[in-house]
Amino acid sequence: LSEYHPGGGVKSTGLGGAITWKVTEPMTASVFTEYSRLMGPAADSSLVKERGDRNQWMFGVSTTYRFNFTM
């Protein structure tokens, strides 16, 4: 990679969303996605220019389980 000396500025802008639903009483599940577009010095970096992309995507799935402890 080429040497790079960044300056200050806005890193990125983007939008994301999630959907969560109750699977059972103590369990929930979620799916989520996020899109970001790198801007300014982050987009100008040698890593992005030589091996990356200004457009960044993230997708995910998660589950949670709530334990009910009583004392």
N, C-alpha and C. Protein backbone atom coordinates (compact mmCIF):
# COMPACT_ATOMS: atom_id res chain seq x y z
N LEU A 1 0.83 -1.19 0.00
CA LEU A 1 0.00 0.00 0.00
C LEU A 1 0.87 1.24 0.00
N SER A 2 0.36 2.28 -0.61
CA SER A 2 1.05 3.56 -0.62
C SER A 2 0.94 4.22 0.74
N GLU A 3 1.94 5.03 1.07
CA GLU A 3 1.91 5.80 2.32
C GLU A 3 0.81 6.85 2.21
N TYR A 4 0.14 7.11 3.33
CA TYR A 4 -0.98 8.05 3.33
C TYR A 4 -0.96 8.88 4.60
N HIS A 5 -1.19 10.17 4.46
CA HIS A 5 -1.23 11.10 5.59
C HIS A 5 -2.58 11.81 5.58
N PRO A 6 -3.55 11.30 6.36
CA PRO A 6 -4.90 11.88 6.33
C PRO A 6 -4.98 13.22 7.04
N GLY A 7 -5.98 13.97 6.67
CA GLY A 7 -6.33 15.20 7.36
C GLY A 7 -7.63 14.98 8.10
N GLY A 8 -8.19 16.06 8.62
CA GLY A 8 -9.46 15.96 9.33
C GLY A 8 -10.64 16.06 8.38
N GLY A 9 -11.80 15.75 8.88
CA GLY A 9 -13.00 15.87 8.07
C GLY A 9 -14.02 14.82 8.39
N VAL A 10 -15.08 14.80 7.60
CA VAL A 10 -16.16 13.84 7.78
C VAL A 10 -15.68 12.47 7.30
N LYS A 11 -15.91 11.44 8.11
CA LYS A 11 -15.48 10.08 7.76
C LYS A 11 -16.44 9.40 6.80
N SER A 12 -17.75 9.45 7.11
CA SER A 12 -18.72 8.75 6.27
C SER A 12 -20.13 9.26 6.55
N THR A 13 -21.02 8.86 5.68
CA THR A 13 -22.45 9.09 5.89
C THR A 13 -23.16 7.80 5.52
N GLY A 14 -24.29 7.56 6.14
CA GLY A 14 -24.96 6.30 5.84
C GLY A 14 -26.34 6.19 6.42
N LEU A 15 -26.89 5.00 6.26
CA LEU A 15 -28.25 4.72 6.70
C LEU A 15 -28.33 3.24 7.06
N GLY A 16 -29.09 2.94 8.10
CA GLY A 16 -29.23 1.55 8.50
C GLY A 16 -30.61 1.28 9.06
N GLY A 17 -30.90 0.02 9.25
CA GLY A 17 -32.19 -0.35 9.81
C GLY A 17 -32.15 -1.76 10.37
N ALA A 18 -33.13 -2.05 11.22
CA ALA A 18 -33.22 -3.38 11.84
C ALA A 18 -34.67 -3.77 12.01
N ILE A 19 -34.90 -5.07 11.99
CA ILE A 19 -36.21 -5.64 12.29
C ILE A 19 -36.00 -6.64 13.42
N THR A 20 -36.78 -6.50 14.48
CA THR A 20 -36.69 -7.38 15.64
C THR A 20 -38.07 -7.97 15.92
N TRP A 21 -38.11 -9.25 16.23
CA TRP A 21 -39.39 -9.87 16.57
C TRP A 21 -39.20 -10.85 17.72
N LYS A 22 -40.29 -11.08 18.44
CA LYS A 22 -40.28 -11.99 19.58
C LYS A 22 -40.51 -13.41 19.05
N VAL A 23 -39.53 -14.28 19.26
CA VAL A 23 -39.62 -15.67 18.83
C VAL A 23 -40.43 -16.47 19.85
N THR A 24 -40.05 -16.35 21.11
CA THR A 24 -40.78 -16.93 22.24
C THR A 24 -40.77 -15.87 23.33
N GLU A 25 -41.38 -16.15 24.46
CA GLU A 25 -41.43 -15.14 25.53
C GLU A 25 -40.04 -14.63 25.93
N PRO A 26 -39.06 -15.50 26.16
CA PRO A 26 -37.75 -14.96 26.56
C PRO A 26 -36.78 -14.72 25.40
N MET A 27 -37.16 -15.04 24.16
CA MET A 27 -36.20 -14.96 23.05
C MET A 27 -36.68 -14.01 21.96
N THR A 28 -35.74 -13.19 21.47
CA THR A 28 -36.00 -12.32 20.33
C THR A 28 -34.95 -12.57 19.26
N ALA A 29 -35.28 -12.24 18.04
CA ALA A 29 -34.35 -12.36 16.91
C ALA A 29 -34.38 -11.04 16.14
N SER A 30 -33.26 -10.71 15.53
CA SER A 30 -33.14 -9.47 14.76
C SER A 30 -32.34 -9.70 13.50
N VAL A 31 -32.68 -8.96 12.46
CA VAL A 31 -31.85 -8.85 11.26
C VAL A 31 -31.60 -7.37 11.05
N PHE A 32 -30.41 -7.04 10.59
CA PHE A 32 -30.08 -5.63 10.41
C PHE A 32 -29.17 -5.45 9.21
N THR A 33 -29.17 -4.23 8.68
CA THR A 33 -28.30 -3.87 7.58
C THR A 33 -27.91 -2.40 7.72
N GLU A 34 -26.77 -2.06 7.18
CA GLU A 34 -26.31 -0.68 7.20
C GLU A 34 -25.49 -0.41 5.94
N TYR A 35 -25.70 0.75 5.36
CA TYR A 35 -24.91 1.20 4.21
C TYR A 35 -24.19 2.48 4.62
N SER A 36 -22.91 2.57 4.33
CA SER A 36 -22.13 3.78 4.57
C SER A 36 -21.33 4.11 3.32
N ARG A 37 -21.15 5.38 3.08
CA ARG A 37 -20.29 5.84 1.98
C ARG A 37 -19.17 6.65 2.60
N LEU A 38 -17.94 6.18 2.41
CA LEU A 38 -16.78 6.89 2.94
C LEU A 38 -16.62 8.22 2.22
N MET A 39 -16.22 9.24 2.98
CA MET A 39 -16.07 10.58 2.44
C MET A 39 -14.73 11.16 2.87
N GLY A 40 -14.33 12.24 2.23
CA GLY A 40 -13.15 13.00 2.63
C GLY A 40 -11.89 12.16 2.73
N PRO A 41 -11.10 12.40 3.78
CA PRO A 41 -9.83 11.69 3.94
C PRO A 41 -9.98 10.17 4.04
N ALA A 42 -11.07 9.68 4.60
CA ALA A 42 -11.27 8.23 4.69
C ALA A 42 -11.40 7.63 3.29
N ALA A 43 -12.13 8.27 2.40
CA ALA A 43 -12.31 7.77 1.03
C ALA A 43 -11.03 7.92 0.21
N ASP A 44 -10.20 8.89 0.56
CA ASP A 44 -8.97 9.15 -0.19
C ASP A 44 -7.80 8.28 0.25
N SER A 45 -7.97 7.46 1.27
CA SER A 45 -6.86 6.66 1.79
C SER A 45 -6.39 5.64 0.75
N SER A 46 -5.12 5.28 0.84
CA SER A 46 -4.55 4.32 -0.10
C SER A 46 -5.22 2.95 0.05
N LEU A 47 -5.62 2.58 1.24
CA LEU A 47 -6.28 1.29 1.45
C LEU A 47 -7.59 1.22 0.66
N VAL A 48 -8.38 2.28 0.73
CA VAL A 48 -9.66 2.31 0.01
C VAL A 48 -9.42 2.38 -1.50
N LYS A 49 -8.51 3.23 -1.93
CA LYS A 49 -8.27 3.40 -3.37
C LYS A 49 -7.67 2.16 -4.02
N GLU A 50 -6.75 1.49 -3.33
CA GLU A 50 -6.04 0.36 -3.94
C GLU A 50 -6.73 -0.99 -3.72
N ARG A 51 -7.42 -1.16 -2.59
CA ARG A 51 -7.98 -2.48 -2.29
C ARG A 51 -9.41 -2.47 -1.78
N GLY A 52 -9.99 -1.30 -1.63
CA GLY A 52 -11.31 -1.24 -1.02
C GLY A 52 -12.36 -0.61 -1.90
N ASP A 53 -13.35 -0.05 -1.25
CA ASP A 53 -14.48 0.55 -1.94
C ASP A 53 -15.06 1.63 -1.03
N ARG A 54 -15.45 2.74 -1.61
CA ARG A 54 -16.08 3.81 -0.82
C ARG A 54 -17.42 3.38 -0.26
N ASN A 55 -18.06 2.43 -0.93
CA ASN A 55 -19.36 1.93 -0.49
C ASN A 55 -19.15 0.77 0.48
N GLN A 56 -19.68 0.89 1.68
CA GLN A 56 -19.50 -0.10 2.73
C GLN A 56 -20.86 -0.66 3.14
N TRP A 57 -20.98 -1.98 3.17
CA TRP A 57 -22.22 -2.65 3.58
C TRP A 57 -21.97 -3.52 4.80
N MET A 58 -22.94 -3.60 5.68
CA MET A 58 -22.89 -4.51 6.81
C MET A 58 -24.26 -5.18 6.94
N PHE A 59 -24.26 -6.49 7.13
CA PHE A 59 -25.49 -7.25 7.33
C PHE A 59 -25.29 -8.10 8.57
N GLY A 60 -26.37 -8.39 9.27
CA GLY A 60 -26.22 -9.23 10.45
C GLY A 60 -27.53 -9.84 10.91
N VAL A 61 -27.37 -10.86 11.74
CA VAL A 61 -28.48 -11.55 12.38
C VAL A 61 -28.08 -11.74 13.83
N SER A 62 -29.02 -11.53 14.75
CA SER A 62 -28.71 -11.73 16.16
C SER A 62 -29.91 -12.34 16.87
N THR A 63 -29.62 -13.00 17.97
CA THR A 63 -30.68 -13.50 18.85
C THR A 63 -30.32 -13.12 20.27
N THR A 64 -31.33 -12.92 21.07
CA THR A 64 -31.13 -12.66 22.50
C THR A 64 -32.05 -13.58 23.29
N TYR A 65 -31.59 -13.95 24.46
CA TYR A 65 -32.37 -14.78 25.36
C TYR A 65 -32.34 -14.13 26.72
N ARG A 66 -33.49 -13.89 27.29
CA ARG A 66 -33.58 -13.24 28.60
C ARG A 66 -33.86 -14.31 29.66
N PHE A 67 -32.92 -14.44 30.61
CA PHE A 67 -33.08 -15.37 31.72
C PHE A 67 -33.88 -14.69 32.82
N ASN A 68 -34.77 -15.42 33.44
CA ASN A 68 -35.61 -14.87 34.49
C ASN A 68 -35.17 -15.47 35.83
N PHE A 69 -34.27 -14.76 36.50
CA PHE A 69 -33.80 -15.21 37.81
C PHE A 69 -34.68 -14.62 38.90
N THR A 70 -35.12 -15.44 39.80
CA THR A 70 -35.89 -14.94 40.95
C THR A 70 -35.23 -15.42 42.22
N MET A 71 -35.27 -14.58 43.23
CA MET A 71 -34.68 -14.94 44.53
C MET A 71 -35.67 -14.70 45.63
